[in-house]
C-alpha atoms as a PDB file:
ATOM      1  CA  MET A   1     -10.503  13.596 -45.196  1.00  0.00           C
ATOM      2  CA  ILE A   2      -9.702  17.125 -44.928  1.00  0.00           C
ATOM      3  CA  VAL A   3      -5.724  17.713 -45.250  1.00  0.00           C
ATOM      4  CA  LYS A   4      -4.601  20.425 -43.180  1.00  0.00           C
ATOM      5  CA  ALA A   5      -0.836  19.959 -41.888  1.00  0.00           C
ATOM      6  CA  PRO A   6       1.663  20.656 -44.156  1.00  0.00           C
ATOM      7  CA  VAL A   7       2.955  17.676 -45.591  1.00  0.00           C
ATOM      8  CA  LYS A   8       6.462  19.244 -46.726  1.00  0.00           C
ATOM      9  CA  ARG A   9       7.788  15.972 -47.856  1.00  0.00           C
ATOM     10  CA  MET A  10       5.353  14.793 -50.321  1.00  0.00           C
ATOM     11  CA  LEU A  11       6.002  17.974 -52.721  1.00  0.00           C
ATOM     12  CA  LEU A  12       7.567  17.552 -56.064  1.00  0.00           C
ATOM     13  CA  PRO A  13       8.198  19.780 -58.597  1.00  0.00           C
ATOM     14  CA  ASN A  14       4.679  19.669 -61.489  1.00  0.00           C
ATOM     15  CA  LEU A  15       2.995  17.803 -58.094  1.00  0.00           C
ATOM     16  CA  CYS A  16      -0.269  16.661 -58.961  1.00  0.00           C
ATOM     17  CA  VAL A  17      -2.456  17.520 -56.619  1.00  0.00           C
ATOM     18  CA  ASP A  18      -5.773  18.957 -56.234  1.00  0.00           C
ATOM     19  CA  GLY A  19      -6.709  17.829 -59.720  1.00  0.00           C
ATOM     20  CA  ARG A  20      -4.284  20.207 -61.103  1.00  0.00           C
ATOM     21  CA  ARG A  21      -0.403  20.666 -61.781  1.00  0.00           C
ATOM     22  CA  TRP A  22       1.086  22.787 -59.117  1.00  0.00           C
ATOM     23  CA  SER A  23       4.637  24.162 -58.698  1.00  0.00           C
ATOM     24  CA  THR A  24       5.957  23.054 -55.622  1.00  0.00           C
ATOM     25  CA  ALA A  25       4.742  26.598 -53.640  1.00  0.00           C
ATOM     26  CA  GLY A  26       1.710  26.200 -55.557  1.00  0.00           C
ATOM     27  CA  ALA A  27       1.147  22.555 -54.054  1.00  0.00           C
ATOM     28  CA  ALA A  28       2.110  23.572 -50.619  1.00  0.00           C
ATOM     29  CA  GLU A  29      -0.318  26.487 -50.887  1.00  0.00           C
ATOM     30  CA  ALA A  30      -3.295  24.168 -52.005  1.00  0.00           C
ATOM     31  CA  ILE A  31      -2.356  21.546 -49.352  1.00  0.00           C
ATOM     32  CA  ASN A  32      -2.538  23.674 -46.460  1.00  0.00           C
ATOM     33  CA  SER A  33      -4.983  25.975 -47.714  1.00  0.00           C
ATOM     34  CA  SER A  34      -7.158  22.244 -46.694  1.00  0.00           C
ATOM     35  CA  ARG A  35      -8.249  22.045 -50.479  1.00  0.00           C
ATOM     36  CA  ILE A  36      -6.898  18.531 -50.669  1.00  0.00           C
ATOM     37  CA  THR A  37     -10.446  16.282 -49.731  1.00  0.00           C
ATOM     38  CA  GLU A  38      -7.908  12.799 -49.875  1.00  0.00           C
ATOM     39  CA  ARG A  39      -5.135  11.500 -48.871  1.00  0.00           C
ATOM     40  CA  GLY A  40      -1.909  12.130 -50.991  1.00  0.00           C
ATOM     41  CA  LEU A  41      -0.427   8.743 -50.245  1.00  0.00           C
ATOM     42  CA  SER A  42      -1.798   5.329 -49.716  1.00  0.00           C
ATOM     43  CA  ARG A  43      -0.651   3.456 -46.436  1.00  0.00           C
ATOM     44  CA  LYS A  44       0.931   1.048 -48.798  1.00  0.00           C
ATOM     45  CA  GLY A  45       3.895   3.766 -49.789  1.00  0.00           C
ATOM     46  CA  GLU A  46       4.023   6.476 -47.313  1.00  0.00           C
ATOM     47  CA  SER A  47       7.800   6.091 -48.159  1.00  0.00           C
ATOM     48  CA  GLY A  48       9.547   4.780 -50.846  1.00  0.00           C
ATOM     49  CA  MET A  49       7.385   2.582 -53.642  1.00  0.00           C
ATOM     50  CA  LEU A  50       3.499   3.526 -53.852  1.00  0.00           C
ATOM     51  CA  VAL A  51       1.950   0.421 -55.011  1.00  0.00           C
ATOM     52  CA  LEU A  52      -0.795   0.129 -58.344  1.00  0.00           C
ATOM     53  CA  ALA A  53      -2.844  -2.795 -58.609  1.00  0.00           C
ATOM     54  CA  HIS A  54      -3.028  -3.509 -62.080  1.00  0.00           C
ATOM     55  CA  ARG A  55      -6.677  -3.562 -63.132  1.00  0.00           C
ATOM     56  CA  GLY A  56      -7.434  -4.153 -59.775  1.00  0.00           C
ATOM     57  CA  TRP A  57      -5.856  -7.090 -56.932  1.00  0.00           C
ATOM     58  CA  TRP A  58      -7.482 -10.124 -58.868  1.00  0.00           C
ATOM     59  CA  SER A  59      -6.211 -13.881 -59.022  1.00  0.00           C
ATOM     60  CA  ASP A  60      -8.240 -15.038 -61.684  1.00  0.00           C
ATOM     61  CA  PRO A  61      -7.317 -13.001 -64.853  1.00  0.00           C
ATOM     62  CA  GLN A  62     -11.472 -12.809 -65.812  1.00  0.00           C
ATOM     63  CA  ASP A  63     -11.552 -10.524 -62.499  1.00  0.00           C
ATOM     64  CA  LYS A  64      -9.265  -7.534 -63.863  1.00  0.00           C
ATOM     65  CA  ASN A  65     -11.120  -4.387 -64.158  1.00  0.00           C
ATOM     66  CA  THR A  66     -14.310  -5.303 -62.285  1.00  0.00           C
ATOM     67  CA  ARG A  67     -15.587  -4.185 -59.350  1.00  0.00           C
ATOM     68  CA  ALA A  68     -14.603  -7.117 -57.036  1.00  0.00           C
ATOM     69  CA  ALA A  69     -10.733  -6.948 -57.906  1.00  0.00           C
ATOM     70  CA  PHE A  70     -10.979  -2.388 -57.210  1.00  0.00           C
ATOM     71  CA  ALA A  71     -12.719  -3.167 -54.165  1.00  0.00           C
ATOM     72  CA  ARG A  72     -10.105  -5.831 -52.895  1.00  0.00           C
ATOM     73  CA  ALA A  73      -7.246  -3.603 -53.894  1.00  0.00           C
ATOM     74  CA  PHE A  74      -9.324  -0.074 -52.085  1.00  0.00           C
ATOM     75  CA  ALA A  75      -9.866  -2.438 -49.206  1.00  0.00           C
ATOM     76  CA  ALA A  76      -5.864  -3.068 -49.055  1.00  0.00           C
ATOM     77  CA  GLY A  77      -4.783   0.501 -49.587  1.00  0.00           C
ATOM     78  CA  TYR A  78      -3.531  -0.247 -52.682  1.00  0.00           C
ATOM     79  CA  GLY A  79      -3.399   2.302 -55.553  1.00  0.00           C
ATOM     80  CA  ILE A  80      -4.924   0.921 -58.841  1.00  0.00           C
ATOM     81  CA  GLU A  81      -4.223   1.208 -62.882  1.00  0.00           C
ATOM     82  CA  THR A  82      -7.103   1.095 -64.959  1.00  0.00           C
ATOM     83  CA  ASP A  83      -8.554   1.676 -68.480  1.00  0.00           C
ATOM     84  CA  VAL A  84     -10.862   4.031 -69.346  1.00  0.00           C
ATOM     85  CA  ARG A  85     -12.777   3.911 -72.813  1.00  0.00           C
ATOM     86  CA  ASP A  86     -16.005   6.221 -73.892  1.00  0.00           C
ATOM     87  CA  GLN A  87     -19.301   4.100 -75.124  1.00  0.00           C
ATOM     88  CA  GLY A  88     -22.373   5.206 -76.082  1.00  0.00           C
ATOM     89  CA  GLY A  89     -21.899   8.721 -74.889  1.00  0.00           C
ATOM     90  CA  ARG A  90     -20.420   7.134 -71.037  1.00  0.00           C
ATOM     91  CA  LEU A  91     -17.219   6.422 -69.981  1.00  0.00           C
ATOM     92  CA  VAL A  92     -16.404   3.235 -68.883  1.00  0.00           C
ATOM     93  CA  ILE A  93     -13.609   0.837 -67.568  1.00  0.00           C
ATOM     94  CA  SER A  94     -12.487  -1.892 -70.925  1.00  0.00           C
ATOM     95  CA  HIS A  95      -9.031  -2.096 -72.214  1.00  0.00           C
ATOM     96  CA  ASP A  96     -10.027  -3.914 -75.184  1.00  0.00           C
ATOM     97  CA  PRO A  97     -12.898  -2.014 -77.402  1.00  0.00           C
ATOM     98  CA  PRO A  98     -16.614  -2.207 -75.074  1.00  0.00           C
ATOM     99  CA  THR A  99     -18.773  -4.465 -76.052  1.00  0.00           C
ATOM    100  CA  GLY A 100     -22.161  -5.213 -74.204  1.00  0.00           C
ATOM    101  CA  GLU A 101     -24.144  -2.782 -71.773  1.00  0.00           C
ATOM    102  CA  ASP A 102     -22.854  -4.322 -68.438  1.00  0.00           C
ATOM    103  CA  LEU A 103     -19.403  -2.972 -68.415  1.00  0.00           C
ATOM    104  CA  MET A 104     -18.477  -0.796 -65.054  1.00  0.00           C
ATOM    105  CA  THR A 105     -18.547   2.803 -65.529  1.00  0.00           C
ATOM    106  CA  PHE A 106     -15.962   5.468 -64.677  1.00  0.00           C
ATOM    107  CA  ASP A 107     -18.513   6.941 -62.252  1.00  0.00           C
ATOM    108  CA  ALA A 108     -18.869   4.042 -60.705  1.00  0.00           C
ATOM    109  CA  LEU A 109     -15.271   3.640 -59.690  1.00  0.00           C
ATOM    110  CA  LEU A 110     -14.719   6.913 -58.740  1.00  0.00           C
ATOM    111  CA  ALA A 111     -17.428   6.258 -56.159  1.00  0.00           C
ATOM    112  CA  LEU A 112     -15.812   3.188 -55.360  1.00  0.00           C
ATOM    113  CA  ARG A 113     -12.733   5.173 -54.544  1.00  0.00           C
ATOM    114  CA  ALA A 114     -14.071   7.914 -52.915  1.00  0.00           C
ATOM    115  CA  ALA A 115     -15.857   4.782 -50.309  1.00  0.00           C
ATOM    116  CA  ALA A 116     -12.281   4.100 -49.323  1.00  0.00           C
ATOM    117  CA  GLU A 117      -9.901   4.543 -46.810  1.00  0.00           C
ATOM    118  CA  PRO A 118      -7.455   5.529 -47.769  1.00  0.00           C
ATOM    119  CA  ILE A 119      -7.417   6.462 -50.834  1.00  0.00           C
ATOM    120  CA  GLY A 120      -4.486   5.286 -52.963  1.00  0.00           C
ATOM    121  CA  THR A 121      -2.825   6.974 -56.259  1.00  0.00           C
ATOM    122  CA  LEU A 122      -5.494   6.461 -59.435  1.00  0.00           C
ATOM    123  CA  ALA A 123      -3.444   5.932 -62.755  1.00  0.00           C
ATOM    124  CA  ILE A 124      -5.537   6.131 -65.935  1.00  0.00           C
ATOM    125  CA  ASN A 125      -4.658   4.356 -68.912  1.00  0.00           C
ATOM    126  CA  ILE A 126      -6.385   6.821 -71.661  1.00  0.00           C
ATOM    127  CA  LYS A 127      -7.823   4.352 -74.259  1.00  0.00           C
ATOM    128  CA  ALA A 128      -9.742   6.748 -76.766  1.00  0.00           C
ATOM    129  CA  ASP A 129      -9.020   9.879 -77.632  1.00  0.00           C
ATOM    130  CA  GLY A 130     -10.953  12.933 -77.650  1.00  0.00           C
ATOM    131  CA  LEU A 131     -12.225  12.331 -74.136  1.00  0.00           C
ATOM    132  CA  GLN A 132     -10.590  15.405 -72.217  1.00  0.00           C
ATOM    133  CA  GLU A 133     -14.094  17.297 -71.337  1.00  0.00           C
ATOM    134  CA  PRO A 134     -15.823  14.081 -69.546  1.00  0.00           C
ATOM    135  CA  ILE A 135     -12.350  12.915 -68.129  1.00  0.00           C
ATOM    136  CA  MET A 136     -11.987  15.959 -66.717  1.00  0.00           C
ATOM    137  CA  GLU A 137     -15.025  16.655 -65.442  1.00  0.00           C
ATOM    138  CA  ALA A 138     -15.812  13.379 -63.992  1.00  0.00           C
ATOM    139  CA  LEU A 139     -12.706  13.901 -61.742  1.00  0.00           C
ATOM    140  CA  GLY A 140     -13.395  17.334 -60.611  1.00  0.00           C
ATOM    141  CA  ARG A 141     -17.038  16.339 -59.664  1.00  0.00           C
ATOM    142  CA  PHE A 142     -15.682  13.607 -57.849  1.00  0.00           C
ATOM    143  CA  ARG A 143     -12.963  15.861 -56.547  1.00  0.00           C
ATOM    144  CA  VAL A 144      -9.922  13.330 -57.386  1.00  0.00           C
ATOM    145  CA  ALA A 145      -6.528  14.647 -56.700  1.00  0.00           C
ATOM    146  CA  ASN A 146      -4.627  11.650 -56.276  1.00  0.00           C
ATOM    147  CA  TYR A 147      -4.486  10.761 -60.228  1.00  0.00           C
ATOM    148  CA  PHE A 148      -2.169  10.590 -63.049  1.00  0.00           C
ATOM    149  CA  LEU A 149      -3.345  10.405 -67.099  1.00  0.00           C
ATOM    150  CA  PHE A 150      -1.478   8.106 -69.494  1.00  0.00           C
ATOM    151  CA  ASP A 151      -1.042   6.346 -72.737  1.00  0.00           C
ATOM    152  CA  MET A 152      -3.028   8.260 -74.934  1.00  0.00           C
ATOM    153  CA  ALA A 153      -1.522   9.534 -78.386  1.00  0.00           C
ATOM    154  CA  VAL A 154       0.350  12.376 -78.286  1.00  0.00           C
ATOM    155  CA  PRO A 155      -2.027  15.030 -79.765  1.00  0.00           C
ATOM    156  CA  ASP A 156      -4.522  13.655 -77.036  1.00  0.00           C
ATOM    157  CA  ALA A 157      -2.203  14.005 -74.609  1.00  0.00           C
ATOM    158  CA  LEU A 158      -1.629  17.723 -75.466  1.00  0.00           C
ATOM    159  CA  GLY A 159      -5.152  18.487 -75.017  1.00  0.00           C
ATOM    160  CA  TYR A 160      -4.891  17.124 -71.665  1.00  0.00           C
ATOM    161  CA  LEU A 161      -1.614  19.496 -70.986  1.00  0.00           C
ATOM    162  CA  LYS A 162      -3.981  22.312 -71.903  1.00  0.00           C
ATOM    163  CA  HIS A 163      -6.705  21.259 -69.113  1.00  0.00           C
ATOM    164  CA  ASP A 164      -3.914  21.822 -66.648  1.00  0.00           C
ATOM    165  CA  ALA A 165      -4.402  17.339 -65.796  1.00  0.00           C
ATOM    166  CA  CYS A 166      -1.681  15.492 -64.551  1.00  0.00           C
ATOM    167  CA  VAL A 167      -0.017  13.922 -67.418  1.00  0.00           C
ATOM    168  CA  PHE A 168       2.495  11.078 -67.703  1.00  0.00           C
ATOM    169  CA  THR A 169       4.722  10.531 -70.639  1.00  0.00           C
ATOM    170  CA  ARG A 170       6.030   7.156 -71.624  1.00  0.00           C
ATOM    171  CA  HIS A 171       9.643   6.031 -71.774  1.00  0.00           C
ATOM    172  CA  SER A 172      10.749   2.711 -72.770  1.00  0.00           C
ATOM    173  CA  GLU A 173      13.107   0.975 -74.886  1.00  0.00           C
ATOM    174  CA  TYR A 174      10.687   1.410 -77.659  1.00  0.00           C
ATOM    175  CA  GLU A 175      10.527   5.385 -77.223  1.00  0.00           C
ATOM    176  CA  PRO A 176      13.686   6.429 -75.751  1.00  0.00           C
ATOM    177  CA  ALA A 177      13.218   9.954 -75.638  1.00  0.00           C
ATOM    178  CA  PRO A 178      10.119  10.644 -73.708  1.00  0.00           C
ATOM    179  CA  ALA A 179       7.469  13.159 -75.841  1.00  0.00           C
ATOM    180  CA  PHE A 180       6.636  16.271 -74.154  1.00  0.00           C
ATOM    181  CA  TYR A 181       9.038  15.928 -71.396  1.00  0.00           C
ATOM    182  CA  ASP A 182       8.788  19.282 -70.005  1.00  0.00           C
ATOM    183  CA  HIS A 183       5.426  19.523 -69.574  1.00  0.00           C
ATOM    184  CA  ALA A 184       5.125  15.836 -67.854  1.00  0.00           C
ATOM    185  CA  ALA A 185       4.555  15.438 -64.583  1.00  0.00           C
ATOM    186  CA  GLY A 186       6.044  12.197 -64.228  1.00  0.00           C
ATOM    187  CA  VAL A 187       7.015   9.212 -66.687  1.00  0.00           C
ATOM    188  CA  TRP A 188       5.564   5.795 -66.875  1.00  0.00           C
ATOM    189  CA  LEU A 189       8.608   4.055 -67.286  1.00  0.00           C
ATOM    190  CA  ASP A 190       8.297   0.191 -69.383  1.00  0.00           C
ATOM    191  CA  CYS A 191      10.055  -2.690 -70.483  1.00  0.00           C
ATOM    192  CA  PHE A 192       8.371  -4.582 -73.325  1.00  0.00           C
ATOM    193  CA  GLU A 193      11.014  -7.153 -73.934  1.00  0.00           C
ATOM    194  CA  ARG A 194      13.689  -6.871 -71.320  1.00  0.00           C
ATOM    195  CA  ASP A 195      14.588  -5.235 -67.906  1.00  0.00           C
ATOM    196  CA  TRP A 196      16.784  -2.650 -68.941  1.00  0.00           C
ATOM    197  CA  ILE A 197      15.576  -0.127 -66.245  1.00  0.00           C
ATOM    198  CA  SER A 198      17.857   0.385 -63.815  1.00  0.00           C
ATOM    199  CA  ALA A 199      18.208   2.422 -60.839  1.00  0.00           C
ATOM    200  CA  ALA A 200      20.431   5.112 -62.607  1.00  0.00           C
ATOM    201  CA  THR A 201      17.529   5.672 -65.365  1.00  0.00           C
ATOM    202  CA  ILE A 202      15.180   6.303 -62.663  1.00  0.00           C
ATOM    203  CA  GLU A 203      17.001   8.342 -60.170  1.00  0.00           C
ATOM    204  CA  ARG A 204      18.083  10.339 -63.532  1.00  0.00           C
ATOM    205  CA  HIS A 205      13.776  11.277 -64.108  1.00  0.00           C
ATOM    206  CA  LEU A 206      13.207  11.559 -59.912  1.00  0.00           C
ATOM    207  CA  ALA A 207      16.459  14.421 -60.463  1.00  0.00           C
ATOM    208  CA  ALA A 208      14.358  16.191 -63.278  1.00  0.00           C
ATOM    209  CA  GLY A 209      11.567  16.493 -60.784  1.00  0.00           C
ATOM    210  CA  LYS A 210       9.370  14.132 -62.414  1.00  0.00           C
ATOM    211  CA  GLN A 211       7.016  11.298 -60.792  1.00  0.00           C
ATOM    212  CA  VAL A 212       8.150   7.764 -61.974  1.00  0.00           C
ATOM    213  CA  ALA A 213       5.782   4.933 -62.380  1.00  0.00           C
ATOM    214  CA  LEU A 214       7.640   1.936 -62.803  1.00  0.00           C
ATOM    215  CA  VAL A 215       5.752  -1.165 -64.740  1.00  0.00           C
ATOM    216  CA  SER A 216       6.422  -4.954 -63.605  1.00  0.00           C
ATOM    217  CA  PRO A 217       7.558  -7.144 -65.819  1.00  0.00           C
ATOM    218  CA  GLU A 218       5.179  -9.721 -65.192  1.00  0.00           C
ATOM    219  CA  LEU A 219       2.829  -7.553 -66.922  1.00  0.00           C
ATOM    220  CA  HIS A 220       4.934  -8.528 -70.108  1.00  0.00           C
ATOM    221  CA  GLY A 221       5.279 -12.239 -69.114  1.00  0.00           C
ATOM    222  CA  ARG A 222       8.197 -12.331 -67.463  1.00  0.00           C
ATOM    223  CA  ASP A 223       9.625 -12.988 -63.653  1.00  0.00           C
ATOM    224  CA  PRO A 224      10.088  -9.600 -61.797  1.00  0.00           C
ATOM    225  CA  ALA A 225      12.323 -10.719 -59.283  1.00  0.00           C
ATOM    226  CA  PRO A 226      15.553  -9.420 -60.545  1.00  0.00           C
ATOM    227  CA  ALA A 227      13.927  -6.236 -61.620  1.00  0.00           C
ATOM    228  CA  TRP A 228      12.652  -5.678 -58.245  1.00  0.00           C
ATOM    229  CA  ARG A 229      15.856  -6.325 -56.813  1.00  0.00           C
ATOM    230  CA  ALA A 230      17.611  -3.913 -58.858  1.00  0.00           C
ATOM    231  CA  TRP A 231      14.792  -1.414 -58.042  1.00  0.00           C
ATOM    232  CA  ARG A 232      14.713  -2.119 -54.135  1.00  0.00           C
ATOM    233  CA  ASP A 233      17.488   0.080 -53.062  1.00  0.00           C
ATOM    234  CA  VAL A 234      16.386   3.485 -55.152  1.00  0.00           C
ATOM    235  CA  ALA A 235      12.697   2.824 -53.896  1.00  0.00           C
ATOM    236  CA  ALA A 236      14.323   3.109 -50.096  1.00  0.00           C
ATOM    237  CA  ALA A 237      15.475   6.648 -50.720  1.00  0.00           C
ATOM    238  CA  ALA A 238      12.418   7.861 -53.505  1.00  0.00           C
ATOM    239  CA  ARG A 239      11.067  10.680 -51.850  1.00  0.00           C
ATOM    240  CA  ALA A 240       7.548   9.855 -51.119  1.00  0.00           C
ATOM    241  CA  GLY A 241       5.294  10.119 -53.211  1.00  0.00           C
ATOM    242  CA  ALA A 242       7.671  10.080 -55.947  1.00  0.00           C
ATOM    243  CA  LEU A 243       7.923   6.345 -57.185  1.00  0.00           C
ATOM    244  CA  SER A 244       5.081   3.750 -58.049  1.00  0.00           C
ATOM    245  CA  LEU A 245       5.213   0.471 -59.203  1.00  0.00           C
ATOM    246  CA  CYS A 246       2.309  -0.866 -61.277  1.00  0.00           C
ATOM    247  CA  THR A 247       1.980  -4.534 -60.734  1.00  0.00           C
ATOM    248  CA  ASP A 248      -0.061  -7.948 -61.224  1.00  0.00           C
ATOM    249  CA  PHE A 249       1.104  -9.020 -57.356  1.00  0.00           C
ATOM    250  CA  PRO A 250       0.359  -6.260 -55.439  1.00  0.00           C
ATOM    251  CA  ASP A 251       0.704  -7.688 -52.041  1.00  0.00           C
ATOM    252  CA  ARG A 252       4.100  -9.368 -52.814  1.00  0.00           C
ATOM    253  CA  ALA A 253       5.297  -6.095 -53.917  1.00  0.00           C
ATOM    254  CA  ASP A 254       3.782  -4.386 -50.778  1.00  0.00           C
ATOM    255  CA  LYS A 255       5.656  -7.010 -48.372  1.00  0.00           C
ATOM    256  CA  TYR A 256       8.642  -6.682 -50.881  1.00  0.00           C
ATOM    257  CA  PHE A 257       9.296  -2.774 -50.892  1.00  0.00           C
ATOM    258  CA  HIS A 258       7.505  -2.268 -47.530  1.00  0.00           C
ATOM    259  CA  GLY A 259       8.673  -5.268 -45.481  1.00  0.00           C
END
């Protein structure tokens, strides 16, 4: 879908569109000149909290990072979070070191996503170093505009920034000072041991012009309800496209944050 009309409310400093990081003025030019070939926002997050299905939308943990889980998430209009590694000279979807030859390739995931309507955010967890060239080549070939890369080692992240990629830094109770903050388009905000992320913490990053991706506590074995309650008001007030939630319960999150 070609976006021809201005989409002023989704523009943020360092917004990632058309596969590149732009200033607000540059992003407006990119959108208005019809260079965006996919929707910037999914219908599950046109305002407030974007929903990212963690390794797809699955009910059986064995289905994580599978074609079926991704297809289900895309069909529901959710964005996804997934893991990318290399295996034998190709990019594959795998959280752990890959074994066997039946893993889904990164190209196959991008093709599946390209056929979806609408197209949600793609959060790519980089699980191996030195993949800048093939990752960026694949994103460009499939004209992926609405994505971010995260969780790589700091030296590896600097390599992606040199490619003008959309990169998120990390902030957690173990990483109180996010690396390369001034250069990051956003912040992956994690809560490993406790629900420490307050609305004020989120608002500080948003005020700094960052996009924010929240890690829902169930990813670490905790009940997400208290954190969701703490985040609900700031999510309702957030600029469109600025705030997302990575969750194992995308349908529940969608209902909770969007009614």
